[in-house]
Amino acid sequence: MEIRYVVSTMVFWWRENRLSFEQECQFIDSQGFGIELWPNIRGQQECRYERRNWPRLQAATEGMLVSMRSRNDDLTLEQWAEQIECAKLLNANIVTDMESFGIPDGPELNGCDFSEKVAEIAQQNDVKLCLETGNLEKLKKVGQKFDSVFYCLDTGYAHLDPAFSFRQYVDELAQRVAHVHLTDNYGQNDDHEPPGLRGGIPREDWDYLLNTLEKCDNEVVGSLEMFPCMPAVMLRQATEFLFDDLNWPGRPQKKQGYANAAYNPE
């Protein structure tokens, strides 16, 4: 198994106006991580994936591993095509939920014409679509219908579902997992705390996840998807738990010469 790591720009929510997008990228890059882009700044509507923003995105993320969180604002097929072209430019996967992908409500997959067109555009552009964790039974049905779509296993969601256990999510999805949202919670709300929360996901379940992924031998992007405290604190807590306590492979290394990249929003 090869696993590479990114940090979701969720870590900057409510602090976006203190740093430029370029400074956010520089900080994350200095810590040895790639970046998972959200389509907009929290509380604002402008989408980063619109064509006029591509040169800035490409320049700011040059040399970084990039993944993209899909828009979720009732996309048209044209908007899907635009963000897929953006992902191709950045060599990025796209993580999407079922609603944004066009999967209808309800237990059955009736009326998936829109989703089929999205999947076709992604295949034509060699962009990997990763469907984020939702109802397990429905996820499996979507996977059976769309063999080009992969899964994004969200550890926080899997820890919250009263109908299925964390390990059931791992067992059912692992063969097609290409993306993992590494986040933790107390089992009540999707808090997006750093992995390793005391009273959160048990250590044994983290070990089970890694062991199962290693058996599947996929190429996986591990995304630290965390809510603020300070980004440097979140990264330290998450990396110490994943790489020191759990011994996950492929620990990112801080880069030399980034003394001025410390995160300071003041």
Protein backbone atom coordinates (compact mmCIF):
# COMPACT_ATOMS: atom_id res chain seq x y z
CA MET A 1 0.00 0.00 0.00
CA GLU A 2 1.11 3.51 -0.81
CA ILE A 3 -0.46 6.23 1.30
CA ARG A 4 0.21 9.93 0.83
CA TYR A 5 -1.15 12.68 3.03
CA VAL A 6 -2.95 15.95 2.50
CA VAL A 7 -4.49 18.52 4.84
CA SER A 8 -8.01 19.80 4.20
CA THR A 9 -8.36 23.57 4.01
CA MET A 10 -11.10 23.06 6.61
CA VAL A 11 -8.30 23.72 9.13
CA PHE A 12 -8.37 27.38 8.12
CA TRP A 13 -12.13 27.93 8.47
CA TRP A 14 -12.87 31.27 10.15
CA ARG A 15 -9.24 32.29 9.57
CA GLU A 16 -9.26 32.60 5.78
CA ASN A 17 -9.11 36.39 5.81
CA ARG A 18 -5.94 36.40 7.91
CA LEU A 19 -3.81 34.55 5.36
CA SER A 20 -3.82 34.52 1.60
CA PHE A 21 -4.54 31.27 -0.20
CA GLU A 22 -0.87 31.20 -1.22
CA GLN A 23 0.22 31.48 2.43
CA GLU A 24 -2.10 28.63 3.41
CA CYS A 25 -0.56 26.43 0.73
CA GLN A 26 2.96 27.43 1.75
CA PHE A 27 2.28 26.57 5.39
CA ILE A 28 0.83 23.14 4.59
CA ASP A 29 3.62 22.42 2.10
CA SER A 30 6.25 23.40 4.69
CA GLN A 31 4.89 20.67 6.98
CA GLY A 32 5.40 18.06 4.26
CA PHE A 33 1.73 17.61 3.31
CA GLY A 34 -0.31 18.05 0.19
CA ILE A 35 -3.61 19.93 0.23
CA GLU A 36 -7.30 19.04 -0.02
CA LEU A 37 -9.14 22.03 -1.41
CA TRP A 38 -12.63 23.04 -0.40
CA PRO A 39 -14.50 24.78 -3.23
CA ASN A 40 -14.93 28.04 -1.36
CA ILE A 41 -13.99 29.98 1.73
CA ARG A 42 -16.44 29.22 4.54
CA GLY A 43 -19.30 31.71 4.45
CA GLN A 44 -18.58 32.85 0.90
CA GLN A 45 -20.09 31.72 -2.39
CA GLU A 46 -17.35 32.21 -4.99
CA CYS A 47 -16.03 28.86 -6.18
CA ARG A 48 -12.29 28.34 -6.38
CA TYR A 49 -12.72 25.88 -9.24
CA GLU A 50 -14.11 28.39 -11.73
CA ARG A 51 -11.92 28.68 -14.79
CA ARG A 52 -10.72 32.21 -14.05
CA ASN A 53 -9.12 30.95 -10.81
CA TRP A 54 -7.14 28.10 -12.37
CA PRO A 55 -3.85 29.98 -12.87
CA ARG A 56 -3.81 31.00 -9.20
CA LEU A 57 -4.66 27.48 -8.01
CA GLN A 58 -1.98 25.96 -10.21
CA ALA A 59 0.69 28.43 -9.09
CA ALA A 60 -0.10 28.16 -5.37
CA THR A 61 -0.14 24.33 -5.34
CA GLU A 62 2.83 23.76 -7.64
CA GLY A 63 4.74 20.68 -6.53
CA MET A 64 2.04 19.65 -4.02
CA LEU A 65 -0.23 16.63 -3.94
CA VAL A 66 -3.74 18.02 -4.47
CA SER A 67 -7.22 16.62 -3.91
CA MET A 68 -10.48 18.51 -4.32
CA ARG A 69 -13.72 18.48 -2.36
CA SER A 70 -16.56 18.77 -4.85
CA ARG A 71 -18.89 21.71 -5.02
CA ASN A 72 -22.22 21.00 -3.34
CA ASP A 73 -24.33 23.91 -4.58
CA ASP A 74 -26.77 22.01 -6.83
CA LEU A 75 -24.26 21.62 -9.66
CA THR A 76 -25.13 21.63 -13.30
CA LEU A 77 -23.41 19.22 -15.66
CA GLU A 78 -21.39 22.16 -17.02
CA GLN A 79 -20.15 23.01 -13.53
CA TRP A 80 -19.21 19.39 -12.96
CA ALA A 81 -17.28 19.39 -16.23
CA GLU A 82 -15.48 22.57 -15.17
CA GLN A 83 -14.36 21.20 -11.81
CA ILE A 84 -13.29 17.92 -13.45
CA GLU A 85 -11.14 19.89 -15.91
CA CYS A 86 -9.71 21.79 -12.93
CA ALA A 87 -8.89 18.48 -11.22
CA LYS A 88 -7.17 17.25 -14.37
CA LEU A 89 -5.06 20.43 -14.43
CA LEU A 90 -4.04 19.92 -10.79
CA ASN A 91 -3.70 16.12 -11.12
CA ALA A 92 -6.24 15.83 -8.31
CA ASN A 93 -8.87 13.35 -7.17
CA ILE A 94 -12.36 14.69 -6.49
CA VAL A 95 -14.17 13.72 -3.29
CA THR A 96 -17.94 14.03 -3.62
CA ASP A 97 -20.99 13.12 -1.58
CA MET A 98 -23.86 11.21 -3.10
CA GLU A 99 -26.13 14.25 -3.46
CA SER A 100 -23.56 16.28 -5.38
CA PHE A 101 -22.84 13.27 -7.57
CA GLY A 102 -26.52 13.23 -8.49
CA ILE A 103 -27.64 10.11 -6.63
CA PRO A 104 -31.37 10.47 -5.85
CA ASP A 105 -32.80 10.28 -2.33
CA GLY A 106 -34.22 6.99 -1.18
CA PRO A 107 -32.87 3.47 -0.91
CA GLU A 108 -33.07 2.64 -4.62
CA LEU A 109 -30.93 4.01 -7.44
CA ASN A 110 -33.66 5.23 -9.75
CA GLY A 111 -32.86 8.06 -12.15
CA CYS A 112 -29.05 8.17 -12.19
CA ASP A 113 -28.68 9.65 -15.68
CA PHE A 114 -26.91 12.75 -14.31
CA SER A 115 -24.47 10.64 -12.28
CA GLU A 116 -23.70 8.51 -15.31
CA LYS A 117 -22.79 11.60 -17.33
CA VAL A 118 -20.57 12.91 -14.51
CA ALA A 119 -18.77 9.56 -14.25
CA GLU A 120 -18.27 9.50 -18.00
CA ILE A 121 -16.74 12.99 -18.05
CA ALA A 122 -14.40 12.02 -15.21
CA GLN A 123 -13.28 8.90 -17.04
CA GLN A 124 -12.66 10.86 -20.23
CA ASN A 125 -10.39 13.22 -18.28
CA ASP A 126 -8.71 10.45 -16.23
CA VAL A 127 -9.92 12.01 -12.98
CA LYS A 128 -10.68 9.70 -10.06
CA LEU A 129 -14.02 10.27 -8.32
CA CYS A 130 -14.15 9.23 -4.65
CA LEU A 131 -17.60 8.91 -3.10
CA GLU A 132 -17.61 10.09 0.51
CA THR A 133 -19.00 7.88 3.24
CA GLY A 134 -22.78 7.93 3.67
CA ASN A 135 -25.36 5.23 4.22
CA LEU A 136 -23.40 2.00 3.87
CA GLU A 137 -26.00 -0.02 1.98
CA LYS A 138 -26.58 2.76 -0.52
CA LEU A 139 -22.84 3.31 -0.97
CA LYS A 140 -22.46 -0.35 -1.90
CA LYS A 141 -25.26 -0.06 -4.47
CA VAL A 142 -23.61 2.99 -6.03
CA GLY A 143 -20.32 1.12 -6.17
CA GLN A 144 -21.97 -1.80 -7.92
CA LYS A 145 -23.53 0.50 -10.51
CA PHE A 146 -20.46 2.67 -11.16
CA ASP A 147 -17.33 0.55 -11.38
CA SER A 148 -15.17 3.61 -12.15
CA VAL A 149 -16.04 5.30 -8.83
CA PHE A 150 -13.90 4.77 -5.72
CA TYR A 151 -14.71 5.33 -2.06
CA CYS A 152 -13.62 7.98 0.41
CA LEU A 153 -13.85 6.36 3.85
CA ASP A 154 -14.65 9.04 6.43
CA THR A 155 -13.55 7.71 9.81
CA GLY A 156 -15.71 10.23 11.68
CA TYR A 157 -18.91 9.20 9.88
CA ALA A 158 -18.13 5.51 10.31
CA HIS A 159 -17.73 6.05 14.07
CA LEU A 160 -21.16 7.71 14.31
CA ASP A 161 -23.46 5.35 12.42
CA PRO A 162 -25.70 3.46 14.88
CA ALA A 163 -26.73 0.93 12.23
CA PHE A 164 -23.25 -0.29 11.21
CA SER A 165 -20.01 -0.57 13.12
CA PHE A 166 -16.75 1.16 12.21
CA ARG A 167 -15.28 -2.18 11.19
CA GLN A 168 -18.25 -3.00 8.98
CA TYR A 169 -17.54 0.17 7.01
CA VAL A 170 -13.90 -0.82 6.72
CA ASP A 171 -14.68 -4.38 5.64
CA GLU A 172 -17.29 -3.42 3.06
CA LEU A 173 -15.47 -0.48 1.47
CA ALA A 174 -11.74 -1.12 1.82
CA GLN A 175 -11.21 -2.86 -1.51
CA ARG A 176 -12.14 0.33 -3.37
CA VAL A 177 -10.95 2.97 -0.92
CA ALA A 178 -8.73 5.55 -2.62
CA HIS A 179 -9.20 8.35 -0.09
CA VAL A 180 -9.54 8.41 3.71
CA HIS A 181 -10.78 11.36 5.75
CA LEU A 182 -8.79 11.04 8.97
CA THR A 183 -10.88 12.66 11.68
CA ASP A 184 -12.21 11.80 15.13
CA ASN A 185 -15.22 12.46 17.37
CA TYR A 186 -16.82 11.39 20.64
CA GLY A 187 -19.51 9.34 18.92
CA GLN A 188 -22.24 11.97 19.20
CA ASN A 189 -21.53 14.62 16.56
CA ASP A 190 -19.21 14.85 13.58
CA ASP A 191 -16.81 17.12 15.44
CA HIS A 192 -13.86 16.77 13.03
CA GLU A 193 -11.36 16.56 15.87
CA PRO A 194 -7.78 15.45 15.16
CA PRO A 195 -7.22 11.66 15.18
CA GLY A 196 -6.36 10.30 18.61
CA LEU A 197 -9.08 12.05 20.58
CA ARG A 198 -9.38 10.65 24.12
CA GLY A 199 -12.78 8.99 24.24
CA GLY A 200 -12.99 8.95 20.45
CA ILE A 201 -12.38 6.16 17.94
CA PRO A 202 -10.71 3.27 19.81
CA ARG A 203 -7.06 2.58 19.08
CA GLU A 204 -8.02 -0.96 18.07
CA ASP A 205 -10.26 0.39 15.29
CA TRP A 206 -7.46 2.61 13.94
CA ASP A 207 -5.19 -0.45 13.85
CA TYR A 208 -7.91 -2.47 12.12
CA LEU A 209 -8.31 0.21 9.46
CA LEU A 210 -4.61 0.36 8.66
CA ASN A 211 -4.18 -3.42 8.64
CA THR A 212 -7.14 -3.83 6.28
CA LEU A 213 -5.94 -1.10 3.93
CA GLU A 214 -2.50 -2.69 3.83
CA LYS A 215 -4.04 -6.02 2.81
CA CYS A 216 -5.92 -4.32 -0.04
CA ASP A 217 -2.69 -2.69 -1.25
CA ASN A 218 -4.37 0.34 -2.83
CA GLU A 219 -2.92 3.75 -3.56
CA VAL A 220 -4.58 5.90 -0.90
CA VAL A 221 -4.71 9.60 -0.07
CA GLY A 222 -5.05 10.19 3.68
CA SER A 223 -6.63 13.57 4.38
CA LEU A 224 -6.48 15.24 7.78
CA GLU A 225 -9.95 16.79 7.84
CA MET A 226 -10.09 18.77 11.07
CA PHE A 227 -11.88 21.77 12.54
CA PRO A 228 -9.81 24.59 14.09
CA CYS A 229 -8.03 24.84 16.97
CA MET A 230 -4.81 26.26 15.54
CA PRO A 231 -3.54 24.42 12.44
CA ALA A 232 -0.08 23.79 13.86
CA VAL A 233 -1.62 22.21 16.99
CA MET A 234 -3.95 20.02 14.94
CA LEU A 235 -1.15 18.84 12.67
CA ARG A 236 1.11 18.03 15.62
CA GLN A 237 -1.63 16.10 17.45
CA ALA A 238 -2.70 14.19 14.35
CA THR A 239 0.81 13.31 13.17
CA GLU A 240 1.98 12.22 16.62
CA PHE A 241 -1.00 9.87 16.93
CA LEU A 242 -0.85 8.45 13.40
CA PHE A 243 2.91 8.09 13.03
CA ASP A 244 4.24 7.74 16.60
CA ASP A 245 1.42 5.83 18.29
CA LEU A 246 -0.10 3.88 15.38
CA ASN A 247 3.04 3.60 13.22
CA TRP A 248 1.27 4.49 9.97
CA PRO A 249 3.73 4.47 7.04
CA GLY A 250 4.98 7.36 4.93
CA ARG A 251 5.31 10.14 7.53
CA PRO A 252 5.63 13.54 5.78
CA GLN A 253 8.83 15.39 6.59
CA LYS A 254 9.05 19.10 7.28
CA LYS A 255 10.97 20.99 4.64
CA GLN A 256 14.12 22.97 5.24
CA GLY A 257 14.23 26.70 4.67
CA TYR A 258 10.66 27.48 5.72
CA ALA A 259 11.42 29.35 8.93
CA ASN A 260 8.97 32.10 7.98
CA ALA A 261 6.11 29.73 7.18
CA ALA A 262 4.92 29.32 10.78
CA TYR A 263 1.17 29.89 10.95
CA ASN A 264 0.49 33.24 12.58
CA PRO A 265 -2.87 34.78 11.67
CA GLU A 266 -2.29 38.00 13.59
